[in-house]
Amino acid sequence: MDVRVGDHLQMKKPHPCGGNEFDVLRVGMDFRIRCLKCGHEVMVPRAKIERNIKKILRGDQV
């Protein structure tokens, strides 16, 4: 899956704050993502992220 820094991810499951869109801050074996609703940052393993992505929104689609 081609995910880049700066992409917005729409996830299948929402964050506890209710938002389901995240900004990608770091890509590698782990992803660092930031919730666009509350601003909380989390590190998540690549396998878990790739399973839960619903849609990838690039810079021109945001």
N, C-alpha and C. Protein backbone atom coordinates (compact mmCIF):
# COMPACT_ATOMS: atom_id res chain seq x y z
N MET A 1 0.85 -1.17 0.00
CA MET A 1 0.00 0.00 0.00
C MET A 1 0.90 1.24 0.00
N ASP A 2 0.59 2.20 -0.85
CA ASP A 2 1.42 3.39 -1.01
C ASP A 2 0.90 4.54 -0.13
N VAL A 3 1.41 4.62 1.09
CA VAL A 3 1.04 5.69 2.01
C VAL A 3 2.26 6.56 2.19
N ARG A 4 2.10 7.87 2.08
CA ARG A 4 3.22 8.82 2.19
C ARG A 4 2.98 9.79 3.33
N VAL A 5 4.05 10.41 3.78
CA VAL A 5 3.95 11.45 4.79
C VAL A 5 3.14 12.60 4.20
N GLY A 6 2.19 13.12 4.98
CA GLY A 6 1.34 14.21 4.52
C GLY A 6 -0.02 13.76 4.02
N ASP A 7 -0.19 12.45 3.81
CA ASP A 7 -1.50 11.93 3.38
C ASP A 7 -2.48 11.98 4.55
N HIS A 8 -3.76 12.05 4.22
CA HIS A 8 -4.82 11.92 5.21
C HIS A 8 -5.43 10.55 5.02
N LEU A 9 -5.61 9.82 6.13
CA LEU A 9 -6.18 8.48 6.08
C LEU A 9 -7.57 8.50 6.68
N GLN A 10 -8.52 7.94 5.97
CA GLN A 10 -9.85 7.74 6.53
C GLN A 10 -9.88 6.28 6.97
N MET A 11 -10.11 6.06 8.26
CA MET A 11 -10.05 4.72 8.83
C MET A 11 -11.43 4.10 8.97
N LYS A 12 -11.48 2.76 9.06
CA LYS A 12 -12.74 2.04 9.23
C LYS A 12 -13.33 2.29 10.61
N LYS A 13 -12.47 2.32 11.63
CA LYS A 13 -12.94 2.51 13.00
C LYS A 13 -12.54 3.91 13.48
N PRO A 14 -13.41 4.58 14.21
CA PRO A 14 -13.08 5.93 14.70
C PRO A 14 -12.15 5.91 15.91
N HIS A 15 -11.47 7.01 16.12
CA HIS A 15 -10.68 7.26 17.31
C HIS A 15 -11.67 7.45 18.47
N PRO A 16 -11.28 7.24 19.72
CA PRO A 16 -12.22 7.42 20.84
C PRO A 16 -12.88 8.81 20.90
N CYS A 17 -12.25 9.83 20.30
CA CYS A 17 -12.85 11.17 20.30
C CYS A 17 -13.98 11.30 19.27
N GLY A 18 -14.10 10.32 18.38
CA GLY A 18 -15.17 10.33 17.38
C GLY A 18 -14.69 10.61 15.96
N GLY A 19 -13.46 11.09 15.80
CA GLY A 19 -12.92 11.37 14.47
C GLY A 19 -12.37 10.11 13.82
N ASN A 20 -12.50 10.01 12.49
CA ASN A 20 -11.95 8.83 11.81
C ASN A 20 -10.95 9.23 10.72
N GLU A 21 -10.47 10.48 10.73
CA GLU A 21 -9.46 10.92 9.77
C GLU A 21 -8.17 11.26 10.50
N PHE A 22 -7.05 10.79 9.92
CA PHE A 22 -5.75 10.94 10.53
C PHE A 22 -4.76 11.48 9.52
N ASP A 23 -3.79 12.26 9.99
CA ASP A 23 -2.70 12.79 9.17
C ASP A 23 -1.47 11.91 9.40
N VAL A 24 -0.77 11.54 8.35
CA VAL A 24 0.42 10.68 8.46
C VAL A 24 1.64 11.57 8.71
N LEU A 25 2.34 11.34 9.82
CA LEU A 25 3.53 12.12 10.18
C LEU A 25 4.83 11.37 9.92
N ARG A 26 4.79 10.01 9.97
CA ARG A 26 5.98 9.20 9.79
C ARG A 26 5.58 7.86 9.19
N VAL A 27 6.39 7.35 8.28
CA VAL A 27 6.12 6.08 7.63
C VAL A 27 7.34 5.18 7.78
N GLY A 28 7.12 3.91 8.03
CA GLY A 28 8.19 2.92 8.18
C GLY A 28 7.55 1.63 8.65
N MET A 29 8.23 0.90 9.51
CA MET A 29 7.62 -0.30 10.10
C MET A 29 6.47 0.10 11.01
N ASP A 30 6.58 1.26 11.61
CA ASP A 30 5.50 1.85 12.41
C ASP A 30 5.09 3.15 11.75
N PHE A 31 3.83 3.51 11.89
CA PHE A 31 3.33 4.78 11.39
C PHE A 31 3.07 5.69 12.58
N ARG A 32 3.41 6.97 12.47
CA ARG A 32 3.00 7.95 13.46
C ARG A 32 1.88 8.73 12.79
N ILE A 33 0.69 8.69 13.40
CA ILE A 33 -0.46 9.38 12.84
C ILE A 33 -1.04 10.34 13.88
N ARG A 34 -1.69 11.39 13.39
CA ARG A 34 -2.31 12.40 14.27
C ARG A 34 -3.80 12.48 13.92
N CYS A 35 -4.64 12.40 14.93
CA CYS A 35 -6.08 12.54 14.76
C CYS A 35 -6.37 13.99 14.35
N LEU A 36 -7.14 14.18 13.28
CA LEU A 36 -7.44 15.52 12.81
C LEU A 36 -8.50 16.22 13.66
N LYS A 37 -9.22 15.47 14.50
CA LYS A 37 -10.26 16.08 15.34
C LYS A 37 -9.70 16.58 16.67
N CYS A 38 -8.91 15.72 17.36
CA CYS A 38 -8.42 16.11 18.69
C CYS A 38 -6.91 16.39 18.74
N GLY A 39 -6.16 15.98 17.71
CA GLY A 39 -4.72 16.25 17.67
C GLY A 39 -3.85 15.23 18.36
N HIS A 40 -4.42 14.14 18.89
CA HIS A 40 -3.64 13.11 19.58
C HIS A 40 -2.78 12.36 18.57
N GLU A 41 -1.51 12.13 18.93
CA GLU A 41 -0.58 11.40 18.06
C GLU A 41 -0.34 10.00 18.63
N VAL A 42 -0.32 9.01 17.74
CA VAL A 42 -0.07 7.62 18.15
C VAL A 42 0.86 6.94 17.15
N MET A 43 1.63 5.96 17.66
CA MET A 43 2.46 5.10 16.81
C MET A 43 1.70 3.78 16.67
N VAL A 44 1.53 3.35 15.41
CA VAL A 44 0.77 2.13 15.13
C VAL A 44 1.58 1.27 14.16
N PRO A 45 1.66 -0.06 14.38
CA PRO A 45 2.38 -0.93 13.45
C PRO A 45 1.77 -0.88 12.04
N ARG A 46 2.62 -1.02 11.04
CA ARG A 46 2.21 -0.96 9.63
C ARG A 46 1.08 -1.95 9.32
N ALA A 47 1.19 -3.19 9.81
CA ALA A 47 0.19 -4.21 9.51
C ALA A 47 -1.20 -3.80 10.00
N LYS A 48 -1.26 -3.20 11.17
CA LYS A 48 -2.55 -2.79 11.73
C LYS A 48 -3.14 -1.62 10.94
N ILE A 49 -2.31 -0.66 10.55
CA ILE A 49 -2.77 0.48 9.75
C ILE A 49 -3.32 0.01 8.41
N GLU A 50 -2.56 -0.83 7.72
CA GLU A 50 -2.96 -1.26 6.38
C GLU A 50 -4.27 -2.05 6.39
N ARG A 51 -4.55 -2.77 7.46
CA ARG A 51 -5.82 -3.49 7.59
C ARG A 51 -7.00 -2.54 7.77
N ASN A 52 -6.77 -1.42 8.47
CA ASN A 52 -7.86 -0.54 8.87
C ASN A 52 -8.08 0.69 7.99
N ILE A 53 -7.30 0.86 6.92
CA ILE A 53 -7.48 2.02 6.05
C ILE A 53 -8.72 1.82 5.17
N LYS A 54 -9.57 2.83 5.16
CA LYS A 54 -10.75 2.82 4.29
C LYS A 54 -10.45 3.58 3.00
N LYS A 55 -9.78 4.75 3.14
CA LYS A 55 -9.47 5.57 1.97
C LYS A 55 -8.24 6.42 2.26
N ILE A 56 -7.40 6.63 1.23
CA ILE A 56 -6.23 7.51 1.33
C ILE A 56 -6.55 8.79 0.57
N LEU A 57 -6.45 9.92 1.25
CA LEU A 57 -6.70 11.22 0.64
C LEU A 57 -5.37 11.94 0.48
N ARG A 58 -4.98 12.23 -0.76
CA ARG A 58 -3.73 12.93 -1.03
C ARG A 58 -3.95 14.44 -0.95
N GLY A 59 -2.91 15.22 -1.09
CA GLY A 59 -2.96 16.68 -0.96
C GLY A 59 -4.02 17.37 -1.80
N ASP A 60 -4.24 16.95 -3.04
CA ASP A 60 -5.22 17.60 -3.90
C ASP A 60 -6.65 17.14 -3.61
N GLN A 61 -6.83 16.06 -2.87
CA GLN A 61 -8.16 15.53 -2.57
C GLN A 61 -8.70 15.98 -1.23
N VAL A 62 -7.85 16.59 -0.40
CA VAL A 62 -8.25 16.94 0.98
C VAL A 62 -9.19 18.09 0.99
